Amino acid sequence: MSTSNAVKGRPVQEIPFLIRVIYFFVLGWELTGVWVLVAWLLNVTIIFLPLGLWMIDRVPQVLTLKMRPGSYVVNTKDGRSQFVPERQPMFLFRALYFIVIGWWFSLIWALFAWLLCATIIGLPIGVAMLNSLPFITTLHRS
């Protein structure tokens, strides 16, 4: 199964669902907890903030090996494919949101979602919450 993501015009293969489920239960859940805590600690610093935000943006990938959507492919008139990023809110608004709310609320959101993933009933909600973590942190749409 291929997704709309492409590298140099070739479709990227999605990892099979069963492998993603096995990865989640064997490694993904535990690794995501550590990943989120390290990312949050990096977000508290000025110097390592870009690395922390990069890590937050990849939480869905660490959790379940889910391919990042973020862009969609548009075929141009000459037959080539190009990525078109989704429109984001104004940078100044996103920066202000992160400073006032995003940096602390994202940790609470992520830890609660991570705990939900430990239960069978809360698992779907926890995964959905962790998938939305980039938006909760900086209003980044993917």
N, C-alpha and C. Protein backbone atom coordinates (compact mmCIF):
# COMPACT_ATOMS: atom_id res chain seq x y z
N MET A 1 0.85 -1.17 0.00
CA MET A 1 0.00 0.00 0.00
C MET A 1 0.89 1.23 0.00
N SER A 2 0.63 2.17 -0.85
CA SER A 2 1.45 3.38 -0.89
C SER A 2 0.63 4.55 -0.39
N THR A 3 1.34 5.53 0.09
CA THR A 3 0.68 6.73 0.59
C THR A 3 0.90 7.86 -0.40
N SER A 4 0.35 9.02 -0.07
CA SER A 4 0.52 10.16 -0.96
C SER A 4 1.89 10.81 -0.78
N ASN A 5 2.64 10.39 0.23
CA ASN A 5 3.99 10.92 0.38
C ASN A 5 4.86 10.34 -0.72
N ALA A 6 5.79 11.13 -1.20
CA ALA A 6 6.65 10.65 -2.26
C ALA A 6 8.05 11.21 -2.07
N VAL A 7 9.02 10.44 -2.47
CA VAL A 7 10.40 10.88 -2.47
C VAL A 7 10.87 10.88 -3.91
N LYS A 8 11.19 12.05 -4.43
CA LYS A 8 11.61 12.21 -5.82
C LYS A 8 10.64 11.54 -6.79
N GLY A 9 9.34 11.72 -6.52
CA GLY A 9 8.32 11.22 -7.45
C GLY A 9 7.93 9.77 -7.27
N ARG A 10 8.62 9.03 -6.39
CA ARG A 10 8.28 7.64 -6.17
C ARG A 10 7.44 7.51 -4.91
N PRO A 11 6.41 6.67 -4.91
CA PRO A 11 5.61 6.51 -3.70
C PRO A 11 6.41 5.84 -2.59
N VAL A 12 6.13 6.24 -1.36
CA VAL A 12 6.77 5.66 -0.19
C VAL A 12 5.86 4.55 0.32
N GLN A 13 6.44 3.39 0.61
CA GLN A 13 5.65 2.26 1.09
C GLN A 13 5.32 2.44 2.56
N GLU A 14 4.06 2.29 2.89
CA GLU A 14 3.60 2.32 4.28
C GLU A 14 3.99 1.00 4.93
N ILE A 15 4.41 1.06 6.19
CA ILE A 15 4.75 -0.15 6.92
C ILE A 15 3.46 -0.90 7.21
N PRO A 16 3.43 -2.22 7.00
CA PRO A 16 2.19 -2.99 7.23
C PRO A 16 1.65 -2.80 8.65
N PHE A 17 0.35 -2.78 8.76
CA PHE A 17 -0.34 -2.51 10.02
C PHE A 17 0.06 -3.49 11.11
N LEU A 18 0.14 -4.77 10.80
CA LEU A 18 0.48 -5.77 11.81
C LEU A 18 1.87 -5.53 12.39
N ILE A 19 2.81 -5.15 11.56
CA ILE A 19 4.17 -4.85 12.05
C ILE A 19 4.13 -3.61 12.94
N ARG A 20 3.33 -2.62 12.57
CA ARG A 20 3.20 -1.42 13.39
C ARG A 20 2.59 -1.73 14.75
N VAL A 21 1.62 -2.63 14.79
CA VAL A 21 0.99 -3.03 16.06
C VAL A 21 2.00 -3.75 16.94
N ILE A 22 2.74 -4.68 16.37
CA ILE A 22 3.75 -5.42 17.13
C ILE A 22 4.82 -4.45 17.65
N TYR A 23 5.27 -3.54 16.81
CA TYR A 23 6.26 -2.55 17.22
C TYR A 23 5.73 -1.72 18.39
N PHE A 24 4.46 -1.29 18.31
CA PHE A 24 3.87 -0.48 19.38
C PHE A 24 3.94 -1.21 20.71
N PHE A 25 3.54 -2.47 20.75
CA PHE A 25 3.49 -3.20 22.01
C PHE A 25 4.88 -3.61 22.50
N VAL A 26 5.81 -3.86 21.60
CA VAL A 26 7.15 -4.31 22.01
C VAL A 26 8.04 -3.13 22.38
N LEU A 27 8.01 -2.06 21.61
CA LEU A 27 8.95 -0.97 21.81
C LEU A 27 8.34 0.43 21.77
N GLY A 28 7.36 0.63 20.93
CA GLY A 28 6.85 1.98 20.66
C GLY A 28 6.30 2.71 21.86
N TRP A 29 5.52 2.03 22.70
CA TRP A 29 4.89 2.70 23.83
C TRP A 29 5.94 3.18 24.82
N GLU A 30 6.89 2.31 25.17
CA GLU A 30 7.92 2.68 26.13
C GLU A 30 8.84 3.77 25.57
N LEU A 31 9.27 3.60 24.33
CA LEU A 31 10.16 4.56 23.70
C LEU A 31 9.51 5.94 23.59
N THR A 32 8.21 5.97 23.32
CA THR A 32 7.50 7.24 23.19
C THR A 32 7.49 8.01 24.51
N GLY A 33 7.33 7.31 25.63
CA GLY A 33 7.37 7.98 26.93
C GLY A 33 8.69 8.69 27.16
N VAL A 34 9.78 8.01 26.89
CA VAL A 34 11.11 8.61 27.04
C VAL A 34 11.29 9.73 26.02
N TRP A 35 10.87 9.49 24.78
CA TRP A 35 11.00 10.47 23.69
C TRP A 35 10.30 11.78 24.06
N VAL A 36 9.08 11.69 24.59
CA VAL A 36 8.32 12.88 24.95
C VAL A 36 8.99 13.64 26.09
N LEU A 37 9.46 12.93 27.10
CA LEU A 37 10.12 13.60 28.22
C LEU A 37 11.41 14.30 27.79
N VAL A 38 12.20 13.65 26.96
CA VAL A 38 13.43 14.28 26.46
C VAL A 38 13.08 15.50 25.60
N ALA A 39 12.08 15.35 24.72
CA ALA A 39 11.67 16.48 23.87
C ALA A 39 11.20 17.65 24.72
N TRP A 40 10.43 17.36 25.74
CA TRP A 40 9.92 18.44 26.58
C TRP A 40 11.06 19.13 27.31
N LEU A 41 12.01 18.37 27.82
CA LEU A 41 13.16 18.98 28.49
C LEU A 41 13.95 19.86 27.52
N LEU A 42 14.08 19.42 26.27
CA LEU A 42 14.76 20.23 25.27
C LEU A 42 13.96 21.50 24.96
N ASN A 43 12.63 21.39 24.99
CA ASN A 43 11.77 22.55 24.72
C ASN A 43 11.91 23.64 25.79
N VAL A 44 12.31 23.26 26.98
CA VAL A 44 12.46 24.24 28.06
C VAL A 44 13.68 25.12 27.83
N THR A 45 14.65 24.63 27.09
CA THR A 45 15.85 25.42 26.82
C THR A 45 15.66 26.24 25.55
N ILE A 46 16.40 27.29 25.43
CA ILE A 46 16.36 28.11 24.22
C ILE A 46 17.21 27.46 23.13
N ILE A 47 18.39 26.98 23.51
CA ILE A 47 19.34 26.45 22.54
C ILE A 47 18.81 25.19 21.86
N PHE A 48 18.21 24.29 22.62
CA PHE A 48 17.77 23.01 22.07
C PHE A 48 16.28 22.98 21.71
N LEU A 49 15.61 24.12 21.76
CA LEU A 49 14.19 24.18 21.41
C LEU A 49 13.89 23.63 20.01
N PRO A 50 14.66 23.98 18.98
CA PRO A 50 14.35 23.41 17.66
C PRO A 50 14.41 21.88 17.63
N LEU A 51 15.38 21.30 18.32
CA LEU A 51 15.47 19.84 18.38
C LEU A 51 14.27 19.25 19.13
N GLY A 52 13.87 19.88 20.23
CA GLY A 52 12.71 19.42 20.98
C GLY A 52 11.44 19.46 20.15
N LEU A 53 11.24 20.54 19.40
CA LEU A 53 10.06 20.65 18.54
C LEU A 53 10.12 19.63 17.40
N TRP A 54 11.29 19.38 16.87
CA TRP A 54 11.46 18.36 15.84
C TRP A 54 11.06 17.00 16.40
N MET A 55 11.47 16.71 17.63
CA MET A 55 11.12 15.44 18.26
C MET A 55 9.61 15.34 18.50
N ILE A 56 8.99 16.42 18.97
CA ILE A 56 7.54 16.43 19.19
C ILE A 56 6.81 16.15 17.88
N ASP A 57 7.31 16.73 16.80
CA ASP A 57 6.68 16.55 15.50
C ASP A 57 6.74 15.09 15.04
N ARG A 58 7.66 14.33 15.56
CA ARG A 58 7.82 12.93 15.15
C ARG A 58 7.29 11.91 16.16
N VAL A 59 6.55 12.36 17.16
CA VAL A 59 5.97 11.44 18.15
C VAL A 59 5.10 10.36 17.49
N PRO A 60 4.22 10.69 16.53
CA PRO A 60 3.44 9.62 15.91
C PRO A 60 4.31 8.54 15.25
N GLN A 61 5.43 8.95 14.68
CA GLN A 61 6.33 7.99 14.05
C GLN A 61 7.00 7.10 15.09
N VAL A 62 7.42 7.68 16.20
CA VAL A 62 8.06 6.90 17.25
C VAL A 62 7.05 5.95 17.90
N LEU A 63 5.83 6.39 18.04
CA LEU A 63 4.80 5.59 18.70
C LEU A 63 4.40 4.36 17.89
N THR A 64 4.11 4.56 16.61
CA THR A 64 3.55 3.46 15.81
C THR A 64 4.18 3.31 14.44
N LEU A 65 5.30 3.97 14.19
CA LEU A 65 5.94 3.97 12.87
C LEU A 65 5.03 4.52 11.78
N LYS A 66 4.10 5.38 12.18
CA LYS A 66 3.15 5.97 11.23
C LYS A 66 3.87 7.00 10.37
N MET A 67 3.66 6.93 9.07
CA MET A 67 4.25 7.90 8.16
C MET A 67 3.64 9.27 8.43
N ARG A 68 4.46 10.30 8.35
CA ARG A 68 3.99 11.66 8.59
C ARG A 68 3.28 12.19 7.35
N PRO A 69 2.03 12.64 7.49
CA PRO A 69 1.35 13.20 6.31
C PRO A 69 1.95 14.55 5.96
N GLY A 70 1.60 15.62 6.66
CA GLY A 70 2.22 16.92 6.55
C GLY A 70 2.19 17.61 5.21
N SER A 71 2.30 16.89 4.14
CA SER A 71 2.31 17.48 2.81
C SER A 71 1.50 16.58 1.90
N TYR A 72 1.07 17.15 0.83
CA TYR A 72 0.42 16.31 -0.16
C TYR A 72 1.08 16.58 -1.51
N VAL A 73 0.94 15.64 -2.40
CA VAL A 73 1.63 15.71 -3.69
C VAL A 73 0.68 16.28 -4.73
N VAL A 74 1.18 17.23 -5.48
CA VAL A 74 0.43 17.80 -6.59
C VAL A 74 1.20 17.49 -7.86
N ASN A 75 0.54 16.95 -8.84
CA ASN A 75 1.18 16.69 -10.12
C ASN A 75 1.12 17.97 -10.95
N THR A 76 2.27 18.42 -11.41
CA THR A 76 2.33 19.64 -12.20
C THR A 76 2.00 19.32 -13.65
N LYS A 77 1.88 20.35 -14.47
CA LYS A 77 1.51 20.17 -15.88
C LYS A 77 2.54 19.36 -16.65
N ASP A 78 3.80 19.45 -16.24
CA ASP A 78 4.84 18.69 -16.95
C ASP A 78 5.00 17.26 -16.42
N GLY A 79 4.08 16.81 -15.55
CA GLY A 79 4.08 15.43 -15.09
C GLY A 79 4.91 15.15 -13.86
N ARG A 80 5.57 16.17 -13.32
CA ARG A 80 6.37 15.97 -12.11
C ARG A 80 5.49 16.13 -10.88
N SER A 81 5.95 15.57 -9.77
CA SER A 81 5.24 15.70 -8.50
C SER A 81 5.97 16.71 -7.63
N GLN A 82 5.21 17.46 -6.85
CA GLN A 82 5.84 18.37 -5.91
C GLN A 82 5.03 18.36 -4.63
N PHE A 83 5.73 18.60 -3.52
CA PHE A 83 5.08 18.67 -2.22
C PHE A 83 4.51 20.05 -2.01
N VAL A 84 3.32 20.10 -1.47
CA VAL A 84 2.69 21.37 -1.12
C VAL A 84 2.35 21.27 0.37
N PRO A 85 3.02 22.04 1.20
CA PRO A 85 2.75 21.95 2.64
C PRO A 85 1.38 22.52 2.98
N GLU A 86 0.79 21.97 4.02
CA GLU A 86 -0.50 22.47 4.48
C GLU A 86 -0.32 23.86 5.09
N ARG A 87 -1.31 24.71 4.89
CA ARG A 87 -1.23 26.07 5.45
C ARG A 87 -1.20 26.01 6.96
N GLN A 88 -0.33 26.82 7.54
CA GLN A 88 -0.18 26.89 8.99
C GLN A 88 -0.67 28.25 9.47
N PRO A 89 -1.09 28.33 10.75
CA PRO A 89 -1.40 29.65 11.31
C PRO A 89 -0.17 30.54 11.28
N MET A 90 -0.36 31.84 11.41
CA MET A 90 0.75 32.79 11.37
C MET A 90 1.81 32.40 12.39
N PHE A 91 3.08 32.56 12.00
CA PHE A 91 4.18 32.17 12.87
C PHE A 91 4.13 32.90 14.21
N LEU A 92 3.87 34.19 14.19
CA LEU A 92 3.84 34.97 15.43
C LEU A 92 2.77 34.44 16.38
N PHE A 93 1.61 34.08 15.84
CA PHE A 93 0.52 33.52 16.66
C PHE A 93 0.94 32.17 17.24
N ARG A 94 1.58 31.33 16.42
CA ARG A 94 2.04 30.03 16.89
C ARG A 94 3.11 30.18 17.96
N ALA A 95 4.03 31.12 17.79
CA ALA A 95 5.09 31.35 18.78
C ALA A 95 4.50 31.83 20.10
N LEU A 96 3.56 32.76 20.03
CA LEU A 96 2.91 33.27 21.24
C LEU A 96 2.14 32.15 21.94
N TYR A 97 1.41 31.35 21.18
CA TYR A 97 0.67 30.21 21.74
C TYR A 97 1.64 29.26 22.46
N PHE A 98 2.78 28.94 21.82
CA PHE A 98 3.75 28.04 22.42
C PHE A 98 4.27 28.59 23.73
N ILE A 99 4.60 29.88 23.78
CA ILE A 99 5.17 30.49 24.98
C ILE A 99 4.15 30.52 26.12
N VAL A 100 2.89 30.83 25.80
CA VAL A 100 1.88 30.98 26.85
C VAL A 100 1.27 29.63 27.25
N ILE A 101 0.98 28.77 26.30
CA ILE A 101 0.23 27.54 26.59
C ILE A 101 0.96 26.27 26.16
N GLY A 102 1.45 26.24 24.96
CA GLY A 102 1.92 25.00 24.34
C GLY A 102 3.01 24.27 25.07
N TRP A 103 4.00 24.98 25.62
CA TRP A 103 5.15 24.30 26.21
C TRP A 103 4.77 23.50 27.44
N TRP A 104 3.84 23.98 28.28
CA TRP A 104 3.47 23.23 29.49
C TRP A 104 2.28 22.32 29.25
N PHE A 105 1.31 22.76 28.45
CA PHE A 105 0.12 21.95 28.23
C PHE A 105 0.44 20.70 27.42
N SER A 106 1.43 20.80 26.53
CA SER A 106 1.80 19.64 25.72
C SER A 106 2.35 18.50 26.58
N LEU A 107 3.04 18.83 27.66
CA LEU A 107 3.55 17.78 28.54
C LEU A 107 2.39 17.07 29.26
N ILE A 108 1.45 17.84 29.78
CA ILE A 108 0.29 17.23 30.44
C ILE A 108 -0.48 16.37 29.45
N TRP A 109 -0.71 16.90 28.25
CA TRP A 109 -1.43 16.19 27.19
C TRP A 109 -0.72 14.88 26.84
N ALA A 110 0.60 14.96 26.65
CA ALA A 110 1.37 13.78 26.24
C ALA A 110 1.41 12.72 27.33
N LEU A 111 1.60 13.12 28.57
CA LEU A 111 1.65 12.14 29.65
C LEU A 111 0.30 11.46 29.86
N PHE A 112 -0.78 12.24 29.78
CA PHE A 112 -2.12 11.65 29.91
C PHE A 112 -2.38 10.69 28.75
N ALA A 113 -2.02 11.09 27.55
CA ALA A 113 -2.21 10.22 26.38
C ALA A 113 -1.39 8.95 26.51
N TRP A 114 -0.15 9.10 26.98
CA TRP A 114 0.73 7.95 27.15
C TRP A 114 0.14 6.97 28.16
N LEU A 115 -0.43 7.49 29.25
CA LEU A 115 -1.07 6.61 30.24
C LEU A 115 -2.31 5.94 29.67
N LEU A 116 -3.07 6.65 28.86
CA LEU A 116 -4.24 6.04 28.22
C LEU A 116 -3.83 4.87 27.32
N CYS A 117 -2.66 4.97 26.71
CA CYS A 117 -2.18 3.90 25.84
C CYS A 117 -1.89 2.61 26.62
N ALA A 118 -1.76 2.71 27.93
CA ALA A 118 -1.50 1.53 28.76
C ALA A 118 -2.76 0.73 29.01
N THR A 119 -3.92 1.28 28.69
CA THR A 119 -5.18 0.57 28.92
C THR A 119 -5.78 0.16 27.58
N ILE A 120 -6.48 -0.93 27.57
CA ILE A 120 -7.13 -1.39 26.34
C ILE A 120 -8.22 -0.41 25.92
N ILE A 121 -9.00 0.05 26.87
CA ILE A 121 -10.11 0.95 26.55
C ILE A 121 -9.60 2.32 26.08
N GLY A 122 -8.55 2.82 26.72
CA GLY A 122 -8.05 4.14 26.39
C GLY A 122 -7.06 4.18 25.25
N LEU A 123 -6.63 3.01 24.77
CA LEU A 123 -5.61 2.95 23.72
C LEU A 123 -5.94 3.78 22.48
N PRO A 124 -7.12 3.63 21.89
CA PRO A 124 -7.40 4.44 20.69
C PRO A 124 -7.38 5.94 20.96
N ILE A 125 -7.88 6.34 22.12
CA ILE A 125 -7.89 7.77 22.46
C ILE A 125 -6.46 8.26 22.70
N GLY A 126 -5.66 7.46 23.40
CA GLY A 126 -4.28 7.83 23.67
C GLY A 126 -3.46 7.98 22.40
N VAL A 127 -3.62 7.04 21.47
CA VAL A 127 -2.89 7.13 20.20
C VAL A 127 -3.33 8.37 19.43
N ALA A 128 -4.62 8.65 19.40
CA ALA A 128 -5.11 9.85 18.71
C ALA A 128 -4.57 11.12 19.37
N MET A 129 -4.51 11.12 20.69
CA MET A 129 -3.97 12.29 21.39
C MET A 129 -2.49 12.48 21.08
N LEU A 130 -1.72 11.39 21.07
CA LEU A 130 -0.30 11.51 20.75
C LEU A 130 -0.07 11.91 19.30
N ASN A 131 -0.95 11.47 18.41
CA ASN A 131 -0.85 11.89 17.01
C ASN A 131 -1.11 13.38 16.86
N SER A 132 -1.89 13.96 17.77
CA SER A 132 -2.20 15.39 17.68
C SER A 132 -1.23 16.24 18.51
N LEU A 133 -0.22 15.64 19.10
CA LEU A 133 0.72 16.38 19.95
C LEU A 133 1.42 17.54 19.24
N PRO A 134 1.85 17.41 17.98
CA PRO A 134 2.45 18.58 17.32
C PRO A 134 1.50 19.78 17.27
N PHE A 135 0.21 19.53 17.07
CA PHE A 135 -0.76 20.62 17.03
C PHE A 135 -0.94 21.22 18.43
N ILE A 136 -1.00 20.38 19.45
CA ILE A 136 -1.18 20.86 20.81
C ILE A 136 0.02 21.70 21.24
N THR A 137 1.20 21.34 20.81
CA THR A 137 2.42 22.05 21.23
C THR A 137 2.57 23.39 20.54
N THR A 138 2.42 23.43 19.21
CA THR A 138 2.70 24.66 18.47
C THR A 138 1.63 25.03 17.45
N LEU A 139 0.51 24.37 17.48
CA LEU A 139 -0.56 24.55 16.48
C LEU A 139 -0.10 24.16 15.09
N HIS A 140 0.88 23.27 15.02
CA HIS A 140 1.40 22.80 13.73
C HIS A 140 0.41 21.79 13.13
N ARG A 141 -0.07 22.09 11.96
CA ARG A 141 -0.98 21.16 11.26
C ARG A 141 -0.17 20.20 10.42
N SER A 142 -0.54 18.93 10.51
CA SER A 142 0.15 17.95 9.68
C SER A 142 -0.85 17.09 8.95
